[in-house]
Amino acid sequence: LSWIVTSDLRDQKQTAYHVLAASSRALLEMDKADLWDSGKIESDNTIAVVYNGKSLQSNMECFWKVRVWDRQDRPSEWSRPAFWTMGLPAPGNWKAQWVGLDDIGGPHIKLASDSEKIPEEIRRAHWIWSCPKSGGPVPVGQSFFRKTFDVPADWKIKSADCTFTADNACEVFLNGKSLKTANDFKVFYTVSLADQLQPGENVLAIRALNRGNQANPAGLLIGVRVESKTGQTLILTTDSQWKAAAKEQENWQALSFDDSGWAAADTAGPYGCAPWNKSLILPPARYLRTEFSASGKAVKRAYLYATALGLYQLYLNGQRVSEDYFSPGWTDYDKRIYYRTYDVTQMLREGRNAIGAVLADGWFAGYVGFGGNRNLYGERLRLLSQLHIEYADGTSQVIASGPDWKASLGPVQQADFLQGETYDGRLEMPGWNEPRFDDADWKPVAVGSEEVHPKIEAAISGPVVVFEKVSPVSVSEPTPGRYVFDMGQNFAGVVRIRVRGKEGQTITIRHAERLNPDGTIYTTNLRAAAATDTYICKGEGEETWQPYFTFHGFQYVELSGLDSK
């Protein structure tokens, strides 16, 4: 137990304290300490005073107050009542099971271990560069690539996605418009082309960069899949049919540019070849849900206990349970993991209720440190959730995560501390975390965790929360269509955007701590971290979005993908 003492007098100090602890607020208000009456204890300690009363039970509420004596041995008034809950201190208190979603399917997002499920277009692609033998040392600097292709005029596009990576970095353009950048060949990046595709001829153009102080391997790998609503498919991959140049020319990204003077790209080898071997695709967040019926009896209190292998965001009846970020926090998952406790008494409804959760990689499975390592502890994200409801008549109800939960993917397409978060607004599922949502197409959850077996302990620190909101002090446009916002100070956080865009329009947000002399953002110090967040518009008027499963250190923000300033 801890408290703060204050005084209007100089040269004062606490010389003794007296703590009362009771099992109810009513008893405490009557000074009836049925749990602990410390008596007057001579001590100036105000921090981490150890409870020394009766044994306490799991899920129990304990109310307490304190008074102190000053240097002149004068007692203070009693403090305002405070309380703590005992949580679930013993392993046997947990009835919940670890749940998650491993069968994440889809053509562009697979667990790293599912290498055989890498998209067909990537497995067919070759690493290319603008000069021969790029798998070995080649000069540092930029290279430029183009590929023209036709989309049948009668196609109605269902989806059009580009999966790409580059050693060391690249920027993707379609028909002259910049769409997305990549900064790490160990990771596959994806971007939708649907908004910029046009019937007939199109051109995919790439600016690629080989960094370093001396010659080193360089390469570009791209796979594109375009699907029509009638099931027709167009696949485009990097190969020797692409055009390449080592020098930049004016308007080279445009469809109208004449690339007849460019050479054929040189192929270094197929996907999986040395020195790049097999890159990883950042997996999407998992969405979990369950429904339950609460009795019509009056609810005395309800606490939701939760932790995760990964990061979680919890909902009850469509509302966020708390304002936490990045819970349960970083621990050595092989040894221990922390859970948090949430008072959800006021969020419960009579009748049907729903719990929803979003799981992302976090420290458990995401990129950590400078070594380009993922899945340091495991890759199978899991949630452990247990809701305790106590009714006024003394009865109780427990809703625990288990095989009756269901799972799906959703709009969070990737979420990584170093690489950033991608959110596709077109994939939102209105009502997914509310009662009576139709989850017939959702999958059964995977149950259990075999990768780690940590001890589950109550959190020992407060959660990460927003403590300040910062507005930009200026905005510039150092290159056409790229707006750079100066936030006025360097800090750790995320950007919230409010935009109007067409369905499928991609807004790219990049972060930096300083600028280049020409006013563009300086990102060399980020090494392999993309530090890039992406929002894909749903096209329904004004849209507001911010990342929830990543953060960045920055002062400058580059925003691109807008139609106008």
Protein backbone atom coordinates (compact mmCIF):
# COMPACT_ATOMS: atom_id res chain seq x y z
CA LEU A 1 0.00 0.00 0.00
CA SER A 2 1.27 3.52 -0.78
CA TRP A 3 0.12 7.06 -0.07
CA ILE A 4 1.27 10.68 -0.41
CA VAL A 5 1.52 13.05 2.57
CA THR A 6 1.35 16.83 2.26
CA SER A 7 1.53 19.74 4.71
CA ASP A 8 1.22 23.51 4.64
CA LEU A 9 3.87 23.72 7.35
CA ARG A 10 7.64 23.70 6.85
CA ASP A 11 9.92 20.98 8.15
CA GLN A 12 7.19 18.37 8.53
CA LYS A 13 7.37 14.63 8.11
CA GLN A 14 5.39 11.49 8.80
CA THR A 15 6.43 9.81 12.02
CA ALA A 16 3.79 7.06 12.19
CA TYR A 17 0.84 5.61 10.32
CA HIS A 18 -2.33 3.60 10.96
CA VAL A 19 -4.04 1.48 8.26
CA LEU A 20 -7.54 0.03 8.35
CA ALA A 21 -8.64 -2.57 5.75
CA ALA A 22 -12.17 -3.97 5.43
CA SER A 23 -14.10 -6.29 3.14
CA SER A 24 -16.69 -3.61 2.31
CA ARG A 25 -16.84 0.15 1.99
CA ALA A 26 -19.65 0.28 4.56
CA LEU A 27 -17.54 -1.46 7.21
CA LEU A 28 -14.59 0.80 6.49
CA GLU A 29 -16.71 3.93 6.87
CA MET A 30 -17.67 2.67 10.36
CA ASP A 31 -13.96 2.04 11.14
CA LYS A 32 -14.67 -1.68 11.40
CA ALA A 33 -11.51 -3.27 10.02
CA ASP A 34 -12.49 -6.90 9.58
CA LEU A 35 -9.39 -7.58 7.46
CA TRP A 36 -6.56 -5.60 9.04
CA ASP A 37 -6.10 -2.98 11.74
CA SER A 38 -2.40 -2.17 11.81
CA GLY A 39 -2.63 0.02 14.89
CA LYS A 40 -0.23 2.93 15.20
CA ILE A 41 3.10 1.99 13.63
CA GLU A 42 6.05 4.33 14.07
CA SER A 43 7.55 4.71 10.60
CA ASP A 44 8.11 7.35 7.94
CA ASN A 45 7.52 4.79 5.17
CA THR A 46 4.77 5.72 2.69
CA ILE A 47 5.62 3.39 -0.18
CA ALA A 48 4.90 -0.32 -0.65
CA VAL A 49 3.71 -0.97 2.88
CA VAL A 50 3.02 -4.70 2.99
CA TYR A 51 -0.49 -5.84 3.92
CA ASN A 52 -0.34 -7.87 7.13
CA GLY A 53 -3.94 -8.88 7.80
CA LYS A 54 -6.22 -11.85 7.27
CA SER A 55 -5.77 -14.19 4.32
CA LEU A 56 -7.48 -12.89 1.20
CA GLN A 57 -9.42 -14.81 -1.44
CA SER A 58 -9.25 -14.54 -5.23
CA ASN A 59 -11.50 -11.96 -6.90
CA MET A 60 -12.02 -10.29 -3.49
CA GLU A 61 -12.43 -6.53 -3.02
CA CYS A 62 -10.48 -4.93 -0.19
CA PHE A 63 -11.16 -1.35 1.02
CA TRP A 64 -8.62 0.63 3.01
CA LYS A 65 -7.70 4.00 4.43
CA VAL A 66 -4.77 5.48 6.32
CA ARG A 67 -3.98 8.27 8.76
CA VAL A 68 -0.54 9.55 9.75
CA TRP A 69 1.17 11.42 12.58
CA ASP A 70 3.41 14.46 12.01
CA ARG A 71 6.64 15.55 13.67
CA GLN A 72 4.69 16.88 16.66
CA ASP A 73 2.88 13.52 17.00
CA ARG A 74 -0.41 15.02 15.84
CA PRO A 75 -2.72 12.62 13.88
CA SER A 76 -4.22 13.56 10.54
CA GLU A 77 -7.75 12.92 9.40
CA TRP A 78 -8.42 9.57 7.74
CA SER A 79 -7.69 9.50 4.01
CA ARG A 80 -10.41 8.95 1.47
CA PRO A 81 -11.21 5.24 1.07
CA ALA A 82 -9.29 3.34 -1.59
CA PHE A 83 -9.57 -0.26 -2.68
CA TRP A 84 -7.83 -3.07 -4.47
CA THR A 85 -9.01 -6.39 -5.86
CA MET A 86 -7.23 -9.66 -5.36
CA GLY A 87 -7.53 -10.76 -8.97
CA LEU A 88 -6.69 -14.37 -9.81
CA PRO A 89 -3.45 -15.07 -7.90
CA ALA A 90 -3.39 -18.88 -8.19
CA PRO A 91 -3.23 -20.94 -11.41
CA GLY A 92 -6.34 -22.83 -10.32
CA ASN A 93 -8.32 -19.56 -10.34
CA TRP A 94 -8.12 -19.46 -14.12
CA LYS A 95 -10.93 -21.35 -15.87
CA ALA A 96 -10.12 -19.71 -19.21
CA GLN A 97 -8.16 -21.35 -22.03
CA TRP A 98 -5.75 -19.69 -24.43
CA VAL A 99 -7.56 -18.97 -27.73
CA GLY A 100 -6.46 -17.60 -31.09
CA LEU A 101 -6.63 -18.02 -34.85
CA ASP A 102 -3.86 -19.86 -36.70
CA ASP A 103 -5.61 -20.62 -40.00
CA ILE A 104 -5.39 -17.05 -41.24
CA GLY A 105 -5.71 -17.97 -44.93
CA GLY A 106 -5.78 -15.39 -47.69
CA PRO A 107 -3.33 -14.97 -50.57
CA HIS A 108 -1.11 -12.37 -48.96
CA ILE A 109 -0.90 -13.11 -45.26
CA LYS A 110 0.49 -16.31 -43.77
CA LEU A 111 2.30 -17.32 -40.65
CA ALA A 112 6.04 -17.48 -41.27
CA SER A 113 6.10 -21.22 -40.77
CA ASP A 114 3.57 -21.69 -43.58
CA SER A 115 6.19 -21.10 -46.26
CA GLU A 116 4.43 -23.37 -48.68
CA LYS A 117 1.48 -20.96 -48.60
CA ILE A 118 3.44 -17.95 -49.82
CA PRO A 119 1.34 -16.26 -52.56
CA GLU A 120 1.63 -17.93 -55.95
CA GLU A 121 2.69 -14.68 -57.60
CA ILE A 122 5.63 -14.33 -55.20
CA ARG A 123 6.70 -17.95 -55.63
CA ARG A 124 6.78 -17.30 -59.40
CA ALA A 125 8.70 -14.02 -59.08
CA HIS A 126 12.43 -13.44 -59.62
CA TRP A 127 14.78 -10.99 -57.96
CA ILE A 128 15.79 -8.34 -60.50
CA TRP A 129 18.14 -5.37 -60.71
CA SER A 130 19.48 -2.92 -63.27
CA CYS A 131 22.89 -4.59 -63.58
CA PRO A 132 24.12 -8.18 -63.73
CA LYS A 133 25.02 -10.38 -60.74
CA SER A 134 23.00 -8.33 -58.26
CA GLY A 135 23.04 -11.28 -55.85
CA GLY A 136 26.68 -10.36 -55.29
CA PRO A 137 28.25 -6.96 -54.72
CA VAL A 138 26.82 -4.27 -57.04
CA PRO A 139 27.22 -0.48 -56.82
CA VAL A 140 25.19 1.41 -54.24
CA GLY A 141 22.61 3.88 -55.48
CA GLN A 142 19.22 3.99 -57.14
CA SER A 143 17.75 1.85 -59.90
CA PHE A 144 14.47 2.34 -61.78
CA PHE A 145 12.07 -0.27 -63.12
CA ARG A 146 8.95 -0.29 -65.29
CA LYS A 147 6.42 -2.87 -66.40
CA THR A 148 3.42 -2.11 -68.60
CA PHE A 149 0.41 -4.44 -68.57
CA ASP A 150 -3.16 -4.48 -69.79
CA VAL A 151 -6.37 -4.87 -67.80
CA PRO A 152 -9.27 -6.02 -70.01
CA ALA A 153 -11.74 -3.19 -70.51
CA ASP A 154 -14.72 -5.36 -69.59
CA TRP A 155 -13.31 -6.43 -66.19
CA LYS A 156 -14.97 -5.27 -63.00
CA ILE A 157 -12.17 -5.40 -60.46
CA LYS A 158 -12.78 -7.42 -57.30
CA SER A 159 -9.25 -6.98 -55.90
CA ALA A 160 -5.82 -5.90 -57.10
CA ASP A 161 -2.91 -6.36 -54.73
CA CYS A 162 0.82 -5.89 -55.07
CA THR A 163 3.12 -7.83 -52.72
CA PHE A 164 6.70 -6.56 -52.83
CA THR A 165 10.05 -6.17 -51.12
CA ALA A 166 13.48 -4.82 -51.98
CA ASP A 167 17.07 -4.89 -50.85
CA ASN A 168 17.42 -2.29 -49.43
CA ALA A 169 14.36 -0.10 -50.13
CA CYS A 170 11.88 0.84 -52.81
CA GLU A 171 8.90 3.01 -53.70
CA VAL A 172 5.98 1.70 -55.77
CA PHE A 173 4.16 3.84 -58.35
CA LEU A 174 1.13 2.93 -60.45
CA ASN A 175 0.36 5.13 -63.45
CA GLY A 176 2.55 7.87 -61.98
CA LYS A 177 1.08 7.86 -58.46
CA SER A 178 3.20 6.85 -55.47
CA LEU A 179 1.50 4.10 -53.43
CA LYS A 180 3.85 2.69 -50.80
CA THR A 181 7.46 2.22 -49.75
CA ALA A 182 9.46 -0.73 -48.39
CA ASN A 183 12.57 -0.69 -46.20
CA ASP A 184 13.40 -4.31 -45.33
CA PHE A 185 13.87 -7.25 -47.70
CA LYS A 186 13.08 -9.66 -44.85
CA VAL A 187 9.46 -8.47 -44.96
CA PHE A 188 6.84 -8.54 -47.69
CA TYR A 189 4.76 -5.39 -48.01
CA THR A 190 1.34 -5.23 -49.63
CA VAL A 191 -0.60 -2.41 -51.24
CA SER A 192 -3.90 -2.28 -53.10
CA LEU A 193 -3.75 -1.19 -56.74
CA ALA A 194 -7.50 -1.20 -57.27
CA ASP A 195 -8.02 2.54 -56.86
CA GLN A 196 -5.40 3.47 -59.50
CA LEU A 197 -5.97 0.72 -62.07
CA GLN A 198 -7.60 1.74 -65.32
CA PRO A 199 -9.06 -0.27 -68.21
CA GLY A 200 -6.45 -1.00 -70.86
CA GLU A 201 -2.78 -0.14 -70.44
CA ASN A 202 -1.20 0.52 -67.03
CA VAL A 203 2.38 0.89 -65.83
CA LEU A 204 3.94 -0.25 -62.58
CA ALA A 205 7.09 1.78 -61.85
CA ILE A 206 9.57 1.21 -59.03
CA ARG A 207 12.30 3.37 -57.57
CA ALA A 208 14.71 1.04 -55.72
CA LEU A 209 17.73 1.87 -53.58
CA ASN A 210 20.82 -0.12 -52.72
CA ARG A 211 22.25 1.42 -49.56
CA GLY A 212 25.72 1.11 -48.08
CA ASN A 213 29.25 2.50 -48.10
CA GLN A 214 30.45 -0.07 -50.60
CA ALA A 215 29.11 -2.51 -53.18
CA ASN A 216 26.68 -5.10 -51.80
CA PRO A 217 23.79 -7.30 -53.00
CA ALA A 218 20.66 -5.56 -54.33
CA GLY A 219 17.33 -6.81 -55.61
CA LEU A 220 13.63 -6.19 -56.22
CA LEU A 221 10.87 -8.80 -55.90
CA ILE A 222 7.25 -8.15 -56.85
CA GLY A 223 4.09 -10.18 -57.32
CA VAL A 224 0.78 -8.67 -58.47
CA ARG A 225 -2.60 -10.40 -58.50
CA VAL A 226 -5.64 -8.79 -60.12
CA GLU A 227 -8.98 -10.57 -59.83
CA SER A 228 -12.23 -9.72 -61.58
CA LYS A 229 -15.67 -10.17 -60.05
CA THR A 230 -16.28 -13.02 -62.49
CA GLY A 231 -13.24 -14.98 -61.25
CA GLN A 232 -10.67 -14.09 -63.92
CA THR A 233 -7.10 -13.56 -62.72
CA LEU A 234 -4.11 -11.60 -63.95
CA ILE A 235 -0.72 -12.33 -62.37
CA LEU A 236 2.32 -10.13 -62.87
CA THR A 237 5.80 -10.92 -61.47
CA THR A 238 9.27 -9.46 -61.64
CA ASP A 239 11.35 -11.15 -64.36
CA SER A 240 13.55 -10.31 -67.33
CA GLN A 241 10.56 -8.77 -69.16
CA TRP A 242 10.75 -5.72 -66.91
CA LYS A 243 12.61 -2.61 -68.10
CA ALA A 244 15.41 -1.18 -65.95
CA ALA A 245 17.65 1.89 -65.80
CA ALA A 246 20.37 3.08 -63.44
CA LYS A 247 19.68 6.79 -63.91
CA GLU A 248 16.53 8.76 -63.19
CA GLN A 249 14.80 10.46 -66.10
CA GLU A 250 12.08 13.10 -66.05
CA ASN A 251 8.53 11.73 -65.73
CA TRP A 252 9.82 8.14 -65.73
CA GLN A 253 6.89 6.92 -63.56
CA ALA A 254 4.23 8.05 -66.03
CA LEU A 255 2.36 5.77 -68.42
CA SER A 256 3.21 8.11 -71.30
CA PHE A 257 6.98 7.80 -70.71
CA ASP A 258 8.92 6.13 -73.55
CA ASP A 259 11.04 3.37 -72.01
CA SER A 260 12.16 1.85 -75.30
CA GLY A 261 15.72 2.94 -74.51
CA TRP A 262 15.78 1.09 -71.22
CA ALA A 263 17.49 -2.28 -70.94
CA ALA A 264 15.90 -5.55 -69.82
CA ALA A 265 16.15 -6.13 -66.10
CA ASP A 266 18.76 -8.64 -64.98
CA THR A 267 17.46 -11.59 -62.95
CA ALA A 268 19.48 -12.76 -59.95
CA GLY A 269 17.35 -15.81 -59.16
CA PRO A 270 13.88 -16.94 -58.10
CA TYR A 271 12.16 -16.24 -54.80
CA GLY A 272 13.98 -18.11 -52.03
CA CYS A 273 17.44 -17.84 -53.61
CA ALA A 274 20.54 -16.59 -51.80
CA PRO A 275 21.42 -14.15 -50.42
CA TRP A 276 17.84 -13.11 -49.61
CA ASN A 277 16.34 -16.55 -49.00
CA LYS A 278 12.68 -16.38 -47.94
CA SER A 279 11.17 -13.13 -46.73
CA LEU A 280 8.33 -12.96 -44.25
CA ILE A 281 4.85 -11.60 -44.74
CA LEU A 282 3.63 -9.61 -41.79
CA PRO A 283 0.48 -11.36 -40.59
CA PRO A 284 -2.78 -9.57 -39.84
CA ALA A 285 -4.41 -9.02 -36.48
CA ARG A 286 -6.89 -11.65 -35.31
CA TYR A 287 -10.45 -10.84 -34.25
CA LEU A 288 -12.10 -12.96 -31.55
CA ARG A 289 -15.61 -12.88 -30.12
CA THR A 290 -18.13 -14.67 -27.94
CA GLU A 291 -21.65 -14.00 -26.71
CA PHE A 292 -23.27 -14.82 -23.38
CA SER A 293 -26.47 -14.15 -21.47
CA ALA A 294 -26.42 -12.28 -18.18
CA SER A 295 -29.11 -13.00 -15.61
CA GLY A 296 -31.83 -10.44 -15.10
CA LYS A 297 -30.71 -10.11 -11.47
CA ALA A 298 -29.04 -6.94 -10.20
CA VAL A 299 -25.27 -6.95 -10.78
CA LYS A 300 -23.13 -6.09 -7.76
CA ARG A 301 -19.84 -6.02 -9.62
CA ALA A 302 -18.16 -7.46 -12.71
CA TYR A 303 -14.43 -7.74 -13.40
CA LEU A 304 -12.81 -8.79 -16.66
CA TYR A 305 -9.33 -10.34 -16.38
CA ALA A 306 -7.24 -10.56 -19.53
CA THR A 307 -3.78 -11.19 -20.92
CA ALA A 308 -2.34 -12.25 -24.25
CA LEU A 309 0.59 -13.72 -26.09
CA GLY A 310 0.81 -10.62 -28.24
CA LEU A 311 -1.13 -7.37 -27.75
CA TYR A 312 -4.85 -7.19 -27.09
CA GLN A 313 -7.64 -4.67 -27.37
CA LEU A 314 -10.84 -5.64 -25.55
CA TYR A 315 -14.47 -4.74 -26.15
CA LEU A 316 -17.68 -5.41 -24.25
CA ASN A 317 -20.94 -4.76 -26.11
CA GLY A 318 -19.15 -2.68 -28.73
CA GLN A 319 -17.28 -0.41 -26.32
CA ARG A 320 -13.57 -0.48 -25.56
CA VAL A 321 -13.05 -1.85 -22.09
CA SER A 322 -10.20 0.58 -21.37
CA GLU A 323 -7.90 3.14 -22.94
CA ASP A 324 -4.86 0.85 -22.61
CA TYR A 325 -2.27 0.60 -25.36
CA PHE A 326 0.07 -2.38 -25.82
CA SER A 327 -1.28 -4.47 -22.94
CA PRO A 328 -0.26 -6.76 -21.36
CA GLY A 329 3.23 -5.27 -21.86
CA TRP A 330 6.61 -6.84 -22.56
CA THR A 331 7.82 -9.68 -20.35
CA ASP A 332 10.02 -12.71 -20.83
CA TYR A 333 7.15 -14.85 -22.12
CA ASP A 334 9.10 -18.01 -21.40
CA LYS A 335 8.92 -17.16 -17.68
CA ARG A 336 5.96 -14.90 -16.91
CA ILE A 337 3.17 -12.82 -18.38
CA TYR A 338 1.04 -10.13 -16.75
CA TYR A 339 -2.73 -9.84 -16.73
CA ARG A 340 -4.84 -6.74 -16.17
CA THR A 341 -8.15 -6.31 -14.37
CA TYR A 342 -11.01 -4.16 -15.69
CA ASP A 343 -14.16 -3.08 -13.87
CA VAL A 344 -16.93 -3.59 -16.44
CA THR A 345 -19.91 -3.46 -14.07
CA GLN A 346 -21.52 -0.52 -15.86
CA MET A 347 -20.95 -2.02 -19.31
CA LEU A 348 -23.01 -5.17 -18.79
CA ARG A 349 -26.53 -5.42 -20.17
CA GLU A 350 -29.45 -7.55 -19.14
CA GLY A 351 -29.82 -10.43 -21.62
CA ARG A 352 -27.37 -10.89 -24.47
CA ASN A 353 -23.82 -9.52 -24.19
CA ALA A 354 -20.72 -9.85 -26.37
CA ILE A 355 -16.99 -9.81 -25.69
CA GLY A 356 -14.68 -8.94 -28.57
CA ALA A 357 -10.89 -8.86 -28.79
CA VAL A 358 -8.26 -7.90 -31.36
CA LEU A 359 -4.85 -9.61 -31.16
CA ALA A 360 -1.67 -8.24 -32.75
CA ASP A 361 1.98 -9.35 -32.79
CA GLY A 362 3.53 -6.94 -30.28
CA TRP A 363 6.75 -8.06 -28.63
CA PHE A 364 5.69 -11.70 -28.60
CA ALA A 365 5.80 -12.28 -32.37
CA GLY A 366 6.76 -8.95 -33.96
CA TYR A 367 10.10 -7.46 -34.92
CA VAL A 368 12.34 -6.79 -31.92
CA GLY A 369 15.74 -5.09 -31.93
CA PHE A 370 18.20 -4.51 -34.76
CA GLY A 371 18.73 -8.10 -35.86
CA GLY A 372 15.69 -8.34 -38.12
CA ASN A 373 14.26 -11.06 -35.89
CA ARG A 374 10.58 -11.94 -35.59
CA ASN A 375 8.76 -14.60 -33.58
CA LEU A 376 11.30 -14.28 -30.75
CA TYR A 377 8.96 -16.08 -28.35
CA GLY A 378 6.43 -17.61 -30.76
CA GLU A 379 4.06 -16.80 -33.59
CA ARG A 380 0.72 -18.23 -32.46
CA LEU A 381 -1.07 -15.27 -30.90
CA ARG A 382 -3.33 -16.14 -27.98
CA LEU A 383 -5.85 -14.44 -25.68
CA LEU A 384 -6.74 -15.46 -22.12
CA SER A 385 -9.94 -13.79 -20.90
CA GLN A 386 -12.13 -14.42 -17.88
CA LEU A 387 -15.18 -12.36 -16.84
CA HIS A 388 -16.46 -12.68 -13.27
CA ILE A 389 -19.98 -11.40 -12.57
CA GLU A 390 -21.20 -11.19 -8.98
CA TYR A 391 -24.93 -10.61 -8.48
CA ALA A 392 -26.53 -8.80 -5.57
CA ASP A 393 -28.10 -12.03 -4.31
CA GLY A 394 -24.67 -13.59 -3.83
CA THR A 395 -24.68 -15.81 -6.94
CA SER A 396 -21.97 -15.50 -9.59
CA GLN A 397 -21.22 -16.28 -13.22
CA VAL A 398 -17.91 -16.85 -15.06
CA ILE A 399 -17.47 -16.38 -18.80
CA ALA A 400 -14.09 -17.79 -19.83
CA SER A 401 -12.33 -17.92 -23.18
CA GLY A 402 -12.52 -21.38 -24.69
CA PRO A 403 -13.56 -23.46 -27.68
CA ASP A 404 -16.98 -21.80 -27.93
CA TRP A 405 -15.32 -18.55 -29.07
CA LYS A 406 -15.06 -17.72 -32.79
CA ALA A 407 -12.37 -15.96 -34.81
CA SER A 408 -11.82 -14.08 -38.04
CA LEU A 409 -9.57 -11.58 -39.77
CA GLY A 410 -10.54 -7.94 -40.10
CA PRO A 411 -9.37 -4.50 -41.22
CA VAL A 412 -6.01 -4.52 -39.35
CA GLN A 413 -3.91 -6.10 -42.08
CA GLN A 414 -0.57 -5.80 -40.34
CA ALA A 415 0.63 -4.37 -37.04
CA ASP A 416 4.27 -4.25 -35.99
CA PHE A 417 6.19 -1.94 -33.69
CA LEU A 418 9.02 -1.41 -36.18
CA GLN A 419 7.27 -1.80 -39.52
CA GLY A 420 3.99 -0.04 -38.71
CA GLU A 421 0.27 -0.73 -39.00
CA THR A 422 -1.95 -1.15 -42.07
CA TYR A 423 -5.72 -0.74 -41.80
CA ASP A 424 -8.15 -1.43 -44.64
CA GLY A 425 -11.40 0.41 -43.92
CA ARG A 426 -13.19 -1.60 -46.61
CA LEU A 427 -12.86 -4.69 -44.44
CA GLU A 428 -14.61 -3.29 -41.39
CA MET A 429 -17.27 -5.53 -39.86
CA PRO A 430 -19.89 -3.28 -38.24
CA GLY A 431 -21.19 -4.80 -35.02
CA TRP A 432 -18.60 -7.60 -34.80
CA ASN A 433 -18.05 -6.88 -31.09
CA GLU A 434 -21.76 -6.52 -30.25
CA PRO A 435 -24.51 -9.07 -29.46
CA ARG A 436 -26.43 -10.79 -32.25
CA PHE A 437 -23.73 -10.23 -34.88
CA ASP A 438 -23.89 -12.84 -37.63
CA ASP A 439 -20.61 -14.75 -37.20
CA ALA A 440 -21.66 -17.80 -39.22
CA ASP A 441 -18.64 -17.32 -41.51
CA TRP A 442 -16.20 -16.99 -38.62
CA LYS A 443 -13.93 -19.90 -37.77
CA PRO A 444 -13.62 -21.90 -34.55
CA VAL A 445 -10.74 -20.67 -32.42
CA ALA A 446 -7.52 -22.57 -31.95
CA VAL A 447 -7.31 -23.60 -28.29
CA GLY A 448 -4.21 -23.96 -26.14
CA SER A 449 -0.63 -22.74 -26.35
CA GLU A 450 2.32 -25.05 -26.90
CA GLU A 451 5.00 -22.45 -27.67
CA VAL A 452 5.43 -20.99 -24.17
CA HIS A 453 4.07 -21.78 -20.70
CA PRO A 454 4.54 -18.62 -18.65
CA LYS A 455 3.47 -18.01 -15.07
CA ILE A 456 0.47 -15.65 -15.08
CA GLU A 457 0.88 -12.74 -12.67
CA ALA A 458 -0.97 -9.48 -11.95
CA ALA A 459 0.51 -6.46 -13.73
CA ILE A 460 3.08 -4.62 -11.62
CA SER A 461 2.86 -1.29 -13.46
CA GLY A 462 0.23 0.97 -14.92
CA PRO A 463 -0.79 0.64 -18.56
CA VAL A 464 0.38 2.79 -21.46
CA VAL A 465 -2.17 5.56 -22.06
CA VAL A 466 -2.39 8.81 -24.01
CA PHE A 467 -1.23 11.70 -21.81
CA GLU A 468 -0.93 14.52 -24.35
CA LYS A 469 -2.21 15.43 -27.81
CA VAL A 470 0.10 17.41 -30.11
CA SER A 471 -0.88 19.42 -33.19
CA PRO A 472 1.51 20.23 -36.07
CA VAL A 473 3.12 23.65 -36.11
CA SER A 474 3.69 23.75 -39.88
CA VAL A 475 3.26 21.80 -43.12
CA SER A 476 5.32 21.79 -46.32
CA GLU A 477 5.26 20.01 -49.69
CA PRO A 478 8.92 19.30 -50.56
CA THR A 479 7.89 17.07 -53.49
CA PRO A 480 4.52 17.03 -55.26
CA GLY A 481 1.91 15.07 -53.34
CA ARG A 482 4.08 14.50 -50.25
CA TYR A 483 3.13 16.69 -47.33
CA VAL A 484 5.53 16.97 -44.39
CA PHE A 485 4.11 18.02 -41.02
CA ASP A 486 6.35 19.40 -38.29
CA MET A 487 4.92 18.38 -34.91
CA GLY A 488 7.15 20.85 -33.09
CA GLN A 489 8.85 18.29 -30.86
CA ASN A 490 10.24 14.77 -30.92
CA PHE A 491 8.07 12.28 -29.05
CA ALA A 492 6.77 8.70 -29.01
CA GLY A 493 3.24 8.28 -30.29
CA VAL A 494 1.01 7.83 -33.32
CA VAL A 495 -0.79 10.05 -35.81
CA ARG A 496 -4.55 10.40 -36.05
CA ILE A 497 -5.81 11.37 -39.50
CA ARG A 498 -9.14 12.66 -40.74
CA VAL A 499 -9.58 12.27 -44.51
CA ARG A 500 -12.07 12.03 -47.33
CA GLY A 501 -11.12 9.56 -50.03
CA LYS A 502 -12.40 7.20 -52.66
CA GLU A 503 -12.97 3.55 -51.86
CA GLY A 504 -9.58 1.84 -51.93
CA GLN A 505 -7.56 5.06 -51.85
CA THR A 506 -4.33 4.44 -49.91
CA ILE A 507 -3.01 7.01 -47.46
CA THR A 508 0.60 6.46 -46.40
CA ILE A 509 2.04 7.93 -43.19
CA ARG A 510 5.80 7.88 -42.69
CA HIS A 511 7.70 9.10 -39.64
CA ALA A 512 11.09 10.72 -39.09
CA GLU A 513 13.07 12.54 -36.42
CA ARG A 514 14.77 14.99 -38.78
CA LEU A 515 14.68 16.32 -42.34
CA ASN A 516 17.04 16.21 -45.28
CA PRO A 517 18.36 19.56 -46.56
CA ASP A 518 15.68 19.53 -49.29
CA GLY A 519 12.87 19.26 -46.71
CA THR A 520 12.09 15.58 -47.28
CA ILE A 521 12.10 13.25 -44.30
CA TYR A 522 15.38 11.60 -43.26
CA THR A 523 14.93 7.88 -42.57
CA THR A 524 18.43 6.39 -42.87
CA ASN A 525 18.71 6.16 -39.08
CA LEU A 526 15.63 3.93 -39.01
CA ARG A 527 17.70 1.12 -40.55
CA ALA A 528 15.29 -1.71 -41.43
CA ALA A 529 12.31 -0.19 -39.62
CA ALA A 530 9.72 1.02 -42.10
CA ALA A 531 7.95 3.12 -39.44
CA THR A 532 5.09 3.43 -41.93
CA ASP A 533 1.37 3.34 -41.22
CA THR A 534 -1.15 2.86 -44.01
CA TYR A 535 -4.86 3.59 -44.17
CA ILE A 536 -7.03 2.33 -47.04
CA CYS A 537 -10.22 4.37 -47.36
CA LYS A 538 -13.66 2.81 -47.37
CA GLY A 539 -14.98 5.80 -49.34
CA GLU A 540 -17.82 6.84 -47.05
CA GLY A 541 -17.34 10.56 -46.42
CA GLU A 542 -15.07 11.78 -43.65
CA GLU A 543 -13.03 8.96 -42.08
CA THR A 544 -10.95 9.12 -38.90
CA TRP A 545 -8.25 6.60 -38.07
CA GLN A 546 -5.21 6.04 -35.89
CA PRO A 547 -3.01 2.99 -35.23
CA TYR A 548 -3.49 1.10 -31.97
CA PHE A 549 -0.85 -1.64 -32.16
CA THR A 550 2.29 0.33 -32.98
CA PHE A 551 4.06 3.55 -32.06
CA HIS A 552 6.90 5.60 -33.49
CA GLY A 553 9.51 8.09 -32.32
CA PHE A 554 9.25 11.17 -34.54
CA GLN A 555 8.92 14.91 -35.01
CA TYR A 556 8.08 14.91 -38.72
CA VAL A 557 5.25 13.12 -40.52
CA GLU A 558 5.07 12.58 -44.27
CA LEU A 559 1.54 12.11 -45.61
CA SER A 560 0.99 10.91 -49.18
CA GLY A 561 -1.82 9.44 -51.25
CA LEU A 562 -4.17 12.43 -51.01
CA ASP A 563 -5.95 13.86 -54.04
CA SER A 564 -5.42 17.43 -52.87
CA LYS A 565 -3.90 19.40 -50.00
